[in-house]
Amino acid sequence: MASSLKAIVVDDEQPAREVLIQCIRDFCPEVEVFAECHSAKMAYEAIMEHRPDLVFLDIEMPKGSGFELLGMFHPVFFHVIFVTAFSDYAVQAFRYSAVDYLLKPLKVNELVESVARVKNGISPATLQIALLLENFRAGDHCSSKLAIPNSKGNDIVKISDIILCKADAYCSHFFITGNVHLVSSNLLKYYEDILPPE
């Protein structure tokens, strides 16, 4: 990925776009915003024109949701950082697929961390967005899947196949049916927040 990230901001609320763009300019100099869009249709056109590395995407917009926008691309060729006013359900859905998100009101440290993850290429956009949409459509936890980051990308596992999650210093161990053992660099607290209680 180039040293500079080409980005597009998508949010139907102008004040929210202005705050986000100002924070990007002030704290993420490696990101250049090429367009700001107030609708899914406008965003689709801007994405096709500018071919961004990264899209900051709201979910609920009057003329088409962020999910509907992503569904227009086969495959999704850009990274996505969701910017949403939703809390529990939406945050869990994004984390299941390891897609970065920011919760309104915007926190600068989270913005900087999310951009760093994208810049470092931790999550391939196509895989992550496909998994997000699959989990969103599935609805229930049992059929949902989890992306566990590794040094080469991600291991995708069914949540219902996880037998045990165990903390070990600064990483988490997953024991999966079929005698599979995976190690994640994320802390166990990260997974406690997103996995169903059972």
N, C-alpha and C. Protein backbone atom coordinates (compact mmCIF):
# COMPACT_ATOMS: atom_id res chain seq x y z
N MET A 1 0.85 -1.18 0.00
CA MET A 1 0.00 0.00 0.00
C MET A 1 0.89 1.24 0.00
N ALA A 2 0.49 2.26 -0.73
CA ALA A 2 1.29 3.48 -0.82
C ALA A 2 1.39 4.15 0.54
N SER A 3 2.37 5.06 0.67
CA SER A 3 2.57 5.72 1.96
C SER A 3 1.40 6.62 2.30
N SER A 4 0.69 7.11 1.28
CA SER A 4 -0.48 7.95 1.51
C SER A 4 -1.74 7.15 1.21
N LEU A 5 -2.73 7.27 2.08
CA LEU A 5 -3.99 6.57 1.90
C LEU A 5 -5.03 7.50 1.29
N LYS A 6 -5.60 7.10 0.18
CA LYS A 6 -6.66 7.87 -0.46
C LYS A 6 -7.98 7.47 0.18
N ALA A 7 -8.74 8.45 0.69
CA ALA A 7 -9.94 8.12 1.45
C ALA A 7 -11.17 8.90 0.98
N ILE A 8 -12.35 8.34 1.31
CA ILE A 8 -13.64 8.98 1.07
C ILE A 8 -14.44 8.89 2.35
N VAL A 9 -15.14 9.97 2.70
CA VAL A 9 -15.97 10.02 3.90
C VAL A 9 -17.43 9.99 3.48
N VAL A 10 -18.19 9.05 4.06
CA VAL A 10 -19.61 8.90 3.71
C VAL A 10 -20.46 9.01 4.97
N ASP A 11 -21.26 10.07 5.04
CA ASP A 11 -22.16 10.29 6.19
C ASP A 11 -23.22 11.28 5.74
N ASP A 12 -24.49 11.00 6.05
CA ASP A 12 -25.56 11.90 5.60
C ASP A 12 -25.61 13.19 6.41
N GLU A 13 -24.92 13.25 7.55
CA GLU A 13 -24.95 14.45 8.39
C GLU A 13 -23.68 15.28 8.15
N GLN A 14 -23.88 16.51 7.66
CA GLN A 14 -22.74 17.38 7.34
C GLN A 14 -21.85 17.66 8.56
N PRO A 15 -22.40 17.97 9.75
CA PRO A 15 -21.52 18.22 10.90
C PRO A 15 -20.63 17.01 11.23
N ALA A 16 -21.18 15.82 11.10
CA ALA A 16 -20.40 14.60 11.38
C ALA A 16 -19.26 14.46 10.38
N ARG A 17 -19.54 14.76 9.11
CA ARG A 17 -18.49 14.70 8.09
C ARG A 17 -17.39 15.72 8.39
N GLU A 18 -17.80 16.93 8.78
CA GLU A 18 -16.83 17.99 9.04
C GLU A 18 -15.92 17.65 10.22
N VAL A 19 -16.50 17.10 11.28
CA VAL A 19 -15.71 16.71 12.45
C VAL A 19 -14.70 15.63 12.08
N LEU A 20 -15.18 14.61 11.36
CA LEU A 20 -14.30 13.50 10.98
C LEU A 20 -13.17 13.98 10.08
N ILE A 21 -13.50 14.77 9.07
CA ILE A 21 -12.47 15.25 8.14
C ILE A 21 -11.44 16.11 8.86
N GLN A 22 -11.89 16.95 9.78
CA GLN A 22 -10.95 17.79 10.53
C GLN A 22 -10.02 16.93 11.39
N CYS A 23 -10.58 15.90 12.03
CA CYS A 23 -9.75 14.99 12.84
C CYS A 23 -8.74 14.24 11.98
N ILE A 24 -9.16 13.84 10.79
CA ILE A 24 -8.24 13.15 9.87
C ILE A 24 -7.09 14.09 9.51
N ARG A 25 -7.42 15.32 9.18
CA ARG A 25 -6.38 16.30 8.80
C ARG A 25 -5.42 16.56 9.96
N ASP A 26 -5.96 16.66 11.18
CA ASP A 26 -5.14 17.01 12.33
C ASP A 26 -4.30 15.85 12.86
N PHE A 27 -4.85 14.63 12.81
CA PHE A 27 -4.20 13.51 13.50
C PHE A 27 -3.78 12.34 12.61
N CYS A 28 -4.20 12.34 11.35
CA CYS A 28 -3.85 11.24 10.44
C CYS A 28 -3.30 11.83 9.13
N PRO A 29 -2.11 12.41 9.18
CA PRO A 29 -1.57 13.07 7.99
C PRO A 29 -1.32 12.12 6.82
N GLU A 30 -1.28 10.82 7.09
CA GLU A 30 -1.07 9.86 6.01
C GLU A 30 -2.33 9.61 5.19
N VAL A 31 -3.47 10.19 5.62
CA VAL A 31 -4.74 10.01 4.92
C VAL A 31 -5.12 11.30 4.20
N GLU A 32 -5.46 11.16 2.93
CA GLU A 32 -5.93 12.30 2.14
C GLU A 32 -7.37 12.04 1.72
N VAL A 33 -8.28 12.92 2.14
CA VAL A 33 -9.69 12.77 1.80
C VAL A 33 -9.95 13.37 0.43
N PHE A 34 -10.39 12.52 -0.51
CA PHE A 34 -10.62 12.95 -1.88
C PHE A 34 -12.07 13.36 -2.13
N ALA A 35 -12.99 12.86 -1.29
CA ALA A 35 -14.40 13.21 -1.48
C ALA A 35 -15.16 12.99 -0.19
N GLU A 36 -16.23 13.77 -0.01
CA GLU A 36 -17.17 13.54 1.09
C GLU A 36 -18.54 13.39 0.47
N CYS A 37 -19.30 12.40 0.95
CA CYS A 37 -20.57 12.04 0.32
C CYS A 37 -21.68 11.95 1.37
N HIS A 38 -22.89 12.35 0.97
CA HIS A 38 -24.01 12.34 1.89
C HIS A 38 -25.02 11.23 1.61
N SER A 39 -24.74 10.39 0.61
CA SER A 39 -25.67 9.30 0.28
C SER A 39 -24.91 8.12 -0.30
N ALA A 40 -25.55 6.96 -0.29
CA ALA A 40 -24.93 5.75 -0.85
C ALA A 40 -24.69 5.92 -2.35
N LYS A 41 -25.65 6.53 -3.05
CA LYS A 41 -25.51 6.73 -4.50
C LYS A 41 -24.31 7.62 -4.81
N MET A 42 -24.21 8.73 -4.10
CA MET A 42 -23.09 9.65 -4.29
C MET A 42 -21.77 8.96 -3.96
N ALA A 43 -21.78 8.15 -2.89
CA ALA A 43 -20.57 7.44 -2.48
C ALA A 43 -20.14 6.43 -3.53
N TYR A 44 -21.10 5.71 -4.10
CA TYR A 44 -20.78 4.73 -5.14
C TYR A 44 -20.05 5.41 -6.30
N GLU A 45 -20.58 6.54 -6.74
CA GLU A 45 -19.97 7.27 -7.85
C GLU A 45 -18.57 7.75 -7.49
N ALA A 46 -18.40 8.26 -6.27
CA ALA A 46 -17.09 8.76 -5.84
C ALA A 46 -16.07 7.62 -5.72
N ILE A 47 -16.53 6.48 -5.23
CA ILE A 47 -15.62 5.33 -5.09
C ILE A 47 -15.17 4.83 -6.46
N MET A 48 -16.09 4.78 -7.40
CA MET A 48 -15.73 4.33 -8.75
C MET A 48 -14.77 5.32 -9.42
N GLU A 49 -14.95 6.60 -9.12
CA GLU A 49 -14.08 7.62 -9.73
C GLU A 49 -12.70 7.66 -9.10
N HIS A 50 -12.63 7.62 -7.78
CA HIS A 50 -11.36 7.84 -7.08
C HIS A 50 -10.61 6.55 -6.70
N ARG A 51 -11.32 5.41 -6.70
CA ARG A 51 -10.71 4.13 -6.33
C ARG A 51 -9.93 4.26 -5.01
N PRO A 52 -10.62 4.56 -3.90
CA PRO A 52 -9.92 4.83 -2.64
C PRO A 52 -9.31 3.59 -2.00
N ASP A 53 -8.34 3.82 -1.13
CA ASP A 53 -7.80 2.74 -0.30
C ASP A 53 -8.72 2.49 0.89
N LEU A 54 -9.43 3.54 1.31
CA LEU A 54 -10.16 3.51 2.57
C LEU A 54 -11.44 4.33 2.46
N VAL A 55 -12.54 3.78 3.01
CA VAL A 55 -13.81 4.51 3.06
C VAL A 55 -14.27 4.56 4.51
N PHE A 56 -14.51 5.78 5.01
CA PHE A 56 -15.14 5.97 6.32
C PHE A 56 -16.64 5.97 6.07
N LEU A 57 -17.35 5.01 6.65
CA LEU A 57 -18.73 4.76 6.23
C LEU A 57 -19.71 4.75 7.39
N ASP A 58 -20.74 5.59 7.27
CA ASP A 58 -21.86 5.57 8.21
C ASP A 58 -22.77 4.40 7.83
N ILE A 59 -23.64 3.99 8.75
CA ILE A 59 -24.54 2.87 8.46
C ILE A 59 -25.91 3.35 8.03
N GLU A 60 -26.57 4.07 8.92
CA GLU A 60 -27.95 4.50 8.65
C GLU A 60 -27.96 5.82 7.90
N MET A 61 -28.38 5.76 6.64
CA MET A 61 -28.55 6.96 5.83
C MET A 61 -29.91 6.86 5.15
N PRO A 62 -30.58 7.99 4.93
CA PRO A 62 -31.95 7.96 4.41
C PRO A 62 -32.12 7.26 3.07
N LYS A 63 -31.14 7.40 2.18
CA LYS A 63 -31.29 6.85 0.82
C LYS A 63 -30.31 5.70 0.58
N GLY A 64 -30.35 4.70 1.46
CA GLY A 64 -29.47 3.55 1.29
C GLY A 64 -28.46 3.45 2.41
N SER A 65 -28.38 2.29 3.04
CA SER A 65 -27.49 2.11 4.17
C SER A 65 -26.06 1.83 3.73
N GLY A 66 -25.15 1.87 4.70
CA GLY A 66 -23.77 1.51 4.41
C GLY A 66 -23.64 0.08 3.92
N PHE A 67 -24.47 -0.82 4.46
CA PHE A 67 -24.45 -2.21 4.02
C PHE A 67 -24.87 -2.33 2.56
N GLU A 68 -25.89 -1.56 2.19
CA GLU A 68 -26.36 -1.58 0.80
C GLU A 68 -25.29 -1.05 -0.15
N LEU A 69 -24.56 -0.04 0.30
CA LEU A 69 -23.46 0.48 -0.51
C LEU A 69 -22.41 -0.60 -0.75
N LEU A 70 -22.01 -1.29 0.31
CA LEU A 70 -21.00 -2.33 0.17
C LEU A 70 -21.48 -3.44 -0.76
N GLY A 71 -22.78 -3.72 -0.74
CA GLY A 71 -23.34 -4.75 -1.59
C GLY A 71 -23.26 -4.44 -3.08
N MET A 72 -22.95 -3.19 -3.42
CA MET A 72 -22.83 -2.79 -4.83
C MET A 72 -21.48 -3.18 -5.42
N PHE A 73 -20.55 -3.61 -4.59
CA PHE A 73 -19.20 -3.91 -5.06
C PHE A 73 -18.91 -5.41 -4.97
N HIS A 74 -18.42 -5.98 -6.06
CA HIS A 74 -18.09 -7.41 -6.11
C HIS A 74 -16.74 -7.57 -6.82
N PRO A 75 -15.64 -7.71 -6.09
CA PRO A 75 -15.54 -7.68 -4.64
C PRO A 75 -15.40 -6.25 -4.12
N VAL A 76 -15.40 -6.10 -2.80
CA VAL A 76 -15.09 -4.81 -2.18
C VAL A 76 -13.57 -4.66 -2.24
N PHE A 77 -13.08 -3.63 -2.92
CA PHE A 77 -11.65 -3.49 -3.17
C PHE A 77 -10.97 -2.47 -2.26
N PHE A 78 -11.71 -1.96 -1.29
CA PHE A 78 -11.18 -0.93 -0.38
C PHE A 78 -11.40 -1.36 1.06
N HIS A 79 -10.61 -0.79 1.96
CA HIS A 79 -10.82 -1.01 3.38
C HIS A 79 -11.95 -0.10 3.87
N VAL A 80 -12.61 -0.53 4.94
CA VAL A 80 -13.73 0.23 5.49
C VAL A 80 -13.53 0.45 6.98
N ILE A 81 -13.70 1.68 7.41
CA ILE A 81 -13.82 1.99 8.84
C ILE A 81 -15.23 2.53 9.03
N PHE A 82 -16.05 1.79 9.76
CA PHE A 82 -17.41 2.22 10.00
C PHE A 82 -17.42 3.35 11.04
N VAL A 83 -18.26 4.34 10.81
CA VAL A 83 -18.46 5.43 11.75
C VAL A 83 -19.95 5.42 12.07
N THR A 84 -20.31 5.04 13.28
CA THR A 84 -21.71 4.77 13.59
C THR A 84 -22.13 5.29 14.95
N ALA A 85 -23.41 5.64 15.06
CA ALA A 85 -23.96 6.05 16.35
C ALA A 85 -24.52 4.85 17.10
N PHE A 86 -24.55 3.67 16.42
CA PHE A 86 -25.03 2.45 17.06
C PHE A 86 -24.03 1.97 18.09
N SER A 87 -24.50 1.14 19.03
CA SER A 87 -23.57 0.61 20.02
C SER A 87 -23.50 -0.91 19.95
N ASP A 88 -24.12 -1.60 20.88
CA ASP A 88 -23.87 -3.03 21.09
C ASP A 88 -23.97 -3.89 19.83
N TYR A 89 -25.13 -3.92 19.20
CA TYR A 89 -25.31 -4.86 18.09
C TYR A 89 -24.36 -4.56 16.95
N ALA A 90 -24.28 -3.28 16.57
CA ALA A 90 -23.44 -2.92 15.44
C ALA A 90 -21.97 -3.18 15.73
N VAL A 91 -21.53 -2.80 16.92
CA VAL A 91 -20.13 -3.01 17.28
C VAL A 91 -19.80 -4.49 17.23
N GLN A 92 -20.67 -5.33 17.76
CA GLN A 92 -20.42 -6.77 17.73
C GLN A 92 -20.35 -7.28 16.30
N ALA A 93 -21.25 -6.83 15.45
CA ALA A 93 -21.26 -7.29 14.06
C ALA A 93 -19.95 -6.95 13.37
N PHE A 94 -19.44 -5.73 13.61
CA PHE A 94 -18.20 -5.35 12.96
C PHE A 94 -17.02 -6.15 13.50
N ARG A 95 -17.01 -6.34 14.81
CA ARG A 95 -15.88 -7.04 15.41
C ARG A 95 -15.85 -8.51 15.02
N TYR A 96 -17.01 -9.12 14.80
CA TYR A 96 -17.02 -10.51 14.36
C TYR A 96 -16.14 -10.69 13.14
N SER A 97 -16.14 -9.72 12.27
CA SER A 97 -15.39 -9.85 11.03
C SER A 97 -14.11 -9.02 11.04
N ALA A 98 -13.75 -8.50 12.22
CA ALA A 98 -12.51 -7.73 12.39
C ALA A 98 -12.45 -6.50 11.50
N VAL A 99 -13.61 -5.95 11.17
CA VAL A 99 -13.64 -4.69 10.44
C VAL A 99 -13.53 -3.56 11.45
N ASP A 100 -12.70 -2.57 11.17
CA ASP A 100 -12.53 -1.46 12.11
C ASP A 100 -13.79 -0.60 12.16
N TYR A 101 -14.03 0.02 13.30
CA TYR A 101 -15.21 0.87 13.47
C TYR A 101 -14.87 2.00 14.43
N LEU A 102 -15.60 3.06 14.29
CA LEU A 102 -15.52 4.18 15.23
C LEU A 102 -16.94 4.45 15.71
N LEU A 103 -17.08 4.65 16.99
CA LEU A 103 -18.40 4.91 17.56
C LEU A 103 -18.52 6.42 17.81
N LYS A 104 -19.62 7.01 17.34
CA LYS A 104 -19.87 8.42 17.62
C LYS A 104 -20.28 8.58 19.08
N PRO A 105 -19.85 9.64 19.76
CA PRO A 105 -18.97 10.70 19.27
C PRO A 105 -17.53 10.21 19.07
N LEU A 106 -16.89 10.78 18.10
CA LEU A 106 -15.58 10.33 17.66
C LEU A 106 -14.51 10.49 18.74
N LYS A 107 -13.69 9.45 18.91
CA LYS A 107 -12.54 9.50 19.81
C LYS A 107 -11.27 9.47 18.96
N VAL A 108 -10.42 10.46 19.13
CA VAL A 108 -9.25 10.62 18.27
C VAL A 108 -8.32 9.41 18.34
N ASN A 109 -8.10 8.87 19.57
CA ASN A 109 -7.18 7.74 19.68
C ASN A 109 -7.68 6.52 18.91
N GLU A 110 -9.00 6.32 18.87
CA GLU A 110 -9.56 5.20 18.11
C GLU A 110 -9.40 5.43 16.61
N LEU A 111 -9.59 6.66 16.18
CA LEU A 111 -9.38 7.00 14.77
C LEU A 111 -7.94 6.68 14.35
N VAL A 112 -6.99 7.15 15.16
CA VAL A 112 -5.57 6.95 14.84
C VAL A 112 -5.23 5.46 14.81
N GLU A 113 -5.73 4.69 15.77
CA GLU A 113 -5.48 3.25 15.82
C GLU A 113 -6.08 2.53 14.62
N SER A 114 -7.30 2.90 14.24
CA SER A 114 -7.97 2.26 13.11
C SER A 114 -7.22 2.53 11.81
N VAL A 115 -6.81 3.76 11.62
CA VAL A 115 -6.06 4.11 10.41
C VAL A 115 -4.73 3.35 10.38
N ALA A 116 -4.09 3.21 11.53
CA ALA A 116 -2.82 2.48 11.60
C ALA A 116 -3.02 1.02 11.19
N ARG A 117 -4.14 0.41 11.63
CA ARG A 117 -4.41 -0.98 11.25
C ARG A 117 -4.56 -1.12 9.74
N VAL A 118 -5.28 -0.19 9.15
CA VAL A 118 -5.47 -0.23 7.69
C VAL A 118 -4.13 -0.02 6.99
N LYS A 119 -3.37 0.96 7.45
CA LYS A 119 -2.08 1.27 6.82
C LYS A 119 -1.12 0.09 6.91
N ASN A 120 -1.18 -0.64 8.01
CA ASN A 120 -0.30 -1.79 8.20
C ASN A 120 -0.82 -3.04 7.50
N GLY A 121 -1.98 -2.92 6.87
CA GLY A 121 -2.49 -4.03 6.07
C GLY A 121 -2.91 -5.23 6.88
N ILE A 122 -3.42 -5.02 8.11
CA ILE A 122 -3.78 -6.15 8.96
C ILE A 122 -4.94 -6.95 8.39
N SER A 123 -5.92 -6.27 7.78
CA SER A 123 -7.10 -7.00 7.33
C SER A 123 -7.40 -6.78 5.85
N PRO A 124 -7.36 -7.84 5.03
CA PRO A 124 -7.71 -7.70 3.63
C PRO A 124 -9.18 -7.33 3.50
N ALA A 125 -9.46 -6.27 2.75
CA ALA A 125 -10.81 -5.73 2.69
C ALA A 125 -11.82 -6.75 2.16
N THR A 126 -11.50 -7.47 1.10
CA THR A 126 -12.48 -8.35 0.47
C THR A 126 -12.96 -9.41 1.45
N LEU A 127 -12.05 -10.09 2.12
CA LEU A 127 -12.41 -11.14 3.08
C LEU A 127 -13.22 -10.56 4.22
N GLN A 128 -12.77 -9.45 4.77
CA GLN A 128 -13.41 -8.89 5.95
C GLN A 128 -14.84 -8.43 5.66
N ILE A 129 -15.04 -7.75 4.54
CA ILE A 129 -16.38 -7.25 4.22
C ILE A 129 -17.31 -8.41 3.87
N ALA A 130 -16.80 -9.41 3.18
CA ALA A 130 -17.63 -10.57 2.86
C ALA A 130 -18.10 -11.25 4.14
N LEU A 131 -17.21 -11.37 5.11
CA LEU A 131 -17.57 -12.00 6.38
C LEU A 131 -18.55 -11.14 7.16
N LEU A 132 -18.34 -9.84 7.15
CA LEU A 132 -19.27 -8.93 7.83
C LEU A 132 -20.67 -9.09 7.27
N LEU A 133 -20.80 -9.06 5.94
CA LEU A 133 -22.12 -9.16 5.32
C LEU A 133 -22.75 -10.52 5.58
N GLU A 134 -21.94 -11.57 5.59
CA GLU A 134 -22.46 -12.91 5.88
C GLU A 134 -23.01 -12.97 7.30
N ASN A 135 -22.27 -12.44 8.27
CA ASN A 135 -22.74 -12.43 9.66
C ASN A 135 -23.98 -11.56 9.84
N PHE A 136 -24.00 -10.43 9.14
CA PHE A 136 -25.14 -9.53 9.26
C PHE A 136 -26.41 -10.20 8.74
N ARG A 137 -26.29 -10.92 7.63
CA ARG A 137 -27.46 -11.60 7.06
C ARG A 137 -27.88 -12.80 7.89
N ALA A 138 -26.90 -13.48 8.51
CA ALA A 138 -27.20 -14.68 9.30
C ALA A 138 -28.04 -14.34 10.52
N GLY A 139 -27.73 -13.22 11.16
CA GLY A 139 -28.54 -12.76 12.27
C GLY A 139 -28.22 -13.39 13.60
N ASP A 140 -28.25 -14.72 13.71
CA ASP A 140 -28.04 -15.34 15.02
C ASP A 140 -26.58 -15.70 15.22
N HIS A 141 -26.18 -15.76 16.50
CA HIS A 141 -24.76 -15.99 16.84
C HIS A 141 -24.25 -17.35 16.38
N CYS A 142 -25.10 -18.37 16.43
CA CYS A 142 -24.63 -19.73 16.15
C CYS A 142 -24.10 -19.88 14.73
N SER A 143 -24.69 -19.18 13.79
CA SER A 143 -24.24 -19.29 12.41
C SER A 143 -23.19 -18.24 12.06
N SER A 144 -22.85 -17.38 13.01
CA SER A 144 -21.87 -16.33 12.76
C SER A 144 -20.45 -16.89 12.78
N LYS A 145 -19.56 -16.14 12.16
CA LYS A 145 -18.16 -16.55 12.10
C LYS A 145 -17.30 -15.45 12.69
N LEU A 146 -16.10 -15.84 13.10
CA LEU A 146 -15.16 -14.93 13.72
C LEU A 146 -13.86 -14.97 12.94
N ALA A 147 -13.29 -13.79 12.68
CA ALA A 147 -11.97 -13.72 12.04
C ALA A 147 -10.92 -13.55 13.12
N ILE A 148 -9.99 -14.49 13.20
CA ILE A 148 -8.92 -14.44 14.19
C ILE A 148 -7.62 -14.09 13.46
N PRO A 149 -7.09 -12.87 13.69
CA PRO A 149 -5.91 -12.43 12.95
C PRO A 149 -4.69 -13.32 13.23
N ASN A 150 -3.93 -13.58 12.17
CA ASN A 150 -2.64 -14.26 12.33
C ASN A 150 -1.60 -13.51 11.51
N SER A 151 -0.38 -14.00 11.47
CA SER A 151 0.70 -13.27 10.80
C SER A 151 0.51 -13.18 9.29
N LYS A 152 -0.33 -14.05 8.71
CA LYS A 152 -0.52 -14.05 7.26
C LYS A 152 -1.89 -13.53 6.84
N GLY A 153 -2.73 -13.19 7.79
CA GLY A 153 -4.06 -12.70 7.46
C GLY A 153 -5.05 -13.01 8.57
N ASN A 154 -5.97 -13.95 8.30
CA ASN A 154 -6.98 -14.32 9.29
C ASN A 154 -7.34 -15.79 9.18
N ASP A 155 -7.64 -16.40 10.32
CA ASP A 155 -8.29 -17.71 10.35
C ASP A 155 -9.77 -17.46 10.59
N ILE A 156 -10.63 -18.05 9.78
CA ILE A 156 -12.07 -17.87 9.91
C ILE A 156 -12.65 -19.11 10.58
N VAL A 157 -13.34 -18.91 11.70
CA VAL A 157 -13.92 -20.05 12.43
C VAL A 157 -15.38 -19.78 12.74
N LYS A 158 -16.16 -20.84 12.80
CA LYS A 158 -17.54 -20.71 13.24
C LYS A 158 -17.53 -20.52 14.75
N ILE A 159 -18.32 -19.58 15.23
CA ILE A 159 -18.37 -19.33 16.67
C ILE A 159 -18.84 -20.59 17.41
N SER A 160 -19.75 -21.34 16.80
CA SER A 160 -20.27 -22.55 17.45
C SER A 160 -19.22 -23.66 17.56
N ASP A 161 -18.09 -23.54 16.82
CA ASP A 161 -17.03 -24.55 16.87
C ASP A 161 -15.97 -24.24 17.93
N ILE A 162 -16.07 -23.08 18.58
CA ILE A 162 -15.08 -22.71 19.60
C ILE A 162 -15.39 -23.45 20.89
N ILE A 163 -14.41 -24.22 21.38
CA ILE A 163 -14.56 -24.98 22.61
C ILE A 163 -14.11 -24.16 23.81
N LEU A 164 -12.95 -23.49 23.66
CA LEU A 164 -12.36 -22.77 24.79
C LEU A 164 -11.54 -21.58 24.29
N CYS A 165 -11.65 -20.47 24.99
CA CYS A 165 -10.79 -19.30 24.78
C CYS A 165 -9.97 -19.11 26.06
N LYS A 166 -8.67 -18.95 25.91
CA LYS A 166 -7.80 -18.87 27.09
C LYS A 166 -6.80 -17.74 26.93
N ALA A 167 -6.66 -16.93 27.99
CA ALA A 167 -5.70 -15.82 27.97
C ALA A 167 -4.30 -16.33 28.30
N ASP A 168 -3.30 -15.70 27.68
CA ASP A 168 -1.91 -16.03 27.96
C ASP A 168 -1.08 -14.77 27.72
N ALA A 169 -0.78 -14.05 28.79
CA ALA A 169 -0.03 -12.78 28.70
C ALA A 169 -0.73 -11.83 27.74
N TYR A 170 -0.10 -11.53 26.60
CA TYR A 170 -0.67 -10.55 25.67
C TYR A 170 -1.31 -11.20 24.45
N CYS A 171 -1.76 -12.41 24.58
CA CYS A 171 -2.43 -13.06 23.46
C CYS A 171 -3.58 -13.94 23.96
N SER A 172 -4.36 -14.47 23.03
CA SER A 172 -5.49 -15.35 23.35
C SER A 172 -5.35 -16.64 22.58
N HIS A 173 -5.64 -17.76 23.25
CA HIS A 173 -5.59 -19.07 22.61
C HIS A 173 -7.02 -19.54 22.35
N PHE A 174 -7.24 -20.07 21.16
CA PHE A 174 -8.55 -20.63 20.79
C PHE A 174 -8.39 -22.12 20.53
N PHE A 175 -9.25 -22.90 21.18
CA PHE A 175 -9.28 -24.33 20.94
C PHE A 175 -10.58 -24.63 20.20
N ILE A 176 -10.44 -25.16 19.00
CA ILE A 176 -11.55 -25.34 18.07
C ILE A 176 -11.81 -26.83 17.85
N THR A 177 -13.06 -27.19 17.58
CA THR A 177 -13.37 -28.59 17.28
C THR A 177 -12.48 -29.08 16.15
N GLY A 178 -12.15 -30.36 16.19
CA GLY A 178 -11.24 -30.92 15.20
C GLY A 178 -9.79 -30.80 15.63
N ASN A 179 -9.56 -30.58 16.94
CA ASN A 179 -8.21 -30.49 17.50
C ASN A 179 -7.39 -29.35 16.89
N VAL A 180 -8.06 -28.22 16.66
CA VAL A 180 -7.40 -27.04 16.09
C VAL A 180 -7.08 -26.05 17.21
N HIS A 181 -5.87 -25.53 17.18
CA HIS A 181 -5.42 -24.55 18.19
C HIS A 181 -4.93 -23.31 17.46
N LEU A 182 -5.55 -22.16 17.74
CA LEU A 182 -5.17 -20.89 17.11
C LEU A 182 -4.75 -19.89 18.18
N VAL A 183 -3.82 -19.01 17.83
CA VAL A 183 -3.36 -17.98 18.75
C VAL A 183 -3.60 -16.62 18.12
N SER A 184 -4.20 -15.72 18.89
CA SER A 184 -4.47 -14.36 18.43
C SER A 184 -3.68 -13.36 19.27
N SER A 185 -3.24 -12.29 18.63
CA SER A 185 -2.51 -11.24 19.36
C SER A 185 -3.47 -10.31 20.12
N ASN A 186 -4.77 -10.44 19.91
CA ASN A 186 -5.75 -9.65 20.66
C ASN A 186 -5.92 -10.20 22.06
N LEU A 187 -6.15 -9.32 23.02
CA LEU A 187 -6.39 -9.74 24.39
C LEU A 187 -7.73 -10.46 24.51
N LEU A 188 -7.86 -11.29 25.53
CA LEU A 188 -9.10 -12.04 25.74
C LEU A 188 -10.28 -11.10 25.96
N LYS A 189 -10.04 -9.94 26.60
CA LYS A 189 -11.11 -8.97 26.83
C LYS A 189 -11.77 -8.54 25.53
N TYR A 190 -10.98 -8.44 24.47
CA TYR A 190 -11.51 -8.07 23.15
C TYR A 190 -12.57 -9.08 22.72
N TYR A 191 -12.27 -10.37 22.91
CA TYR A 191 -13.21 -11.40 22.48
C TYR A 191 -14.38 -11.56 23.45
N GLU A 192 -14.15 -11.27 24.72
CA GLU A 192 -15.25 -11.32 25.70
C GLU A 192 -16.34 -10.33 25.32
N ASP A 193 -15.94 -9.20 24.76
CA ASP A 193 -16.90 -8.15 24.40
C ASP A 193 -17.75 -8.54 23.20
N ILE A 194 -17.27 -9.45 22.36
CA ILE A 194 -17.97 -9.71 21.10
C ILE A 194 -18.59 -11.09 21.00
N LEU A 195 -18.12 -12.05 21.79
CA LEU A 195 -18.69 -13.39 21.71
C LEU A 195 -19.96 -13.50 22.56
N PRO A 196 -20.92 -14.30 22.11
CA PRO A 196 -22.13 -14.48 22.91
C PRO A 196 -21.80 -15.16 24.24
N PRO A 197 -22.57 -14.90 25.30
CA PRO A 197 -22.26 -15.43 26.63
C PRO A 197 -22.09 -16.95 26.67
N GLU A 198 -22.86 -17.66 25.88
CA GLU A 198 -22.76 -19.12 25.92
C GLU A 198 -21.48 -19.62 25.29
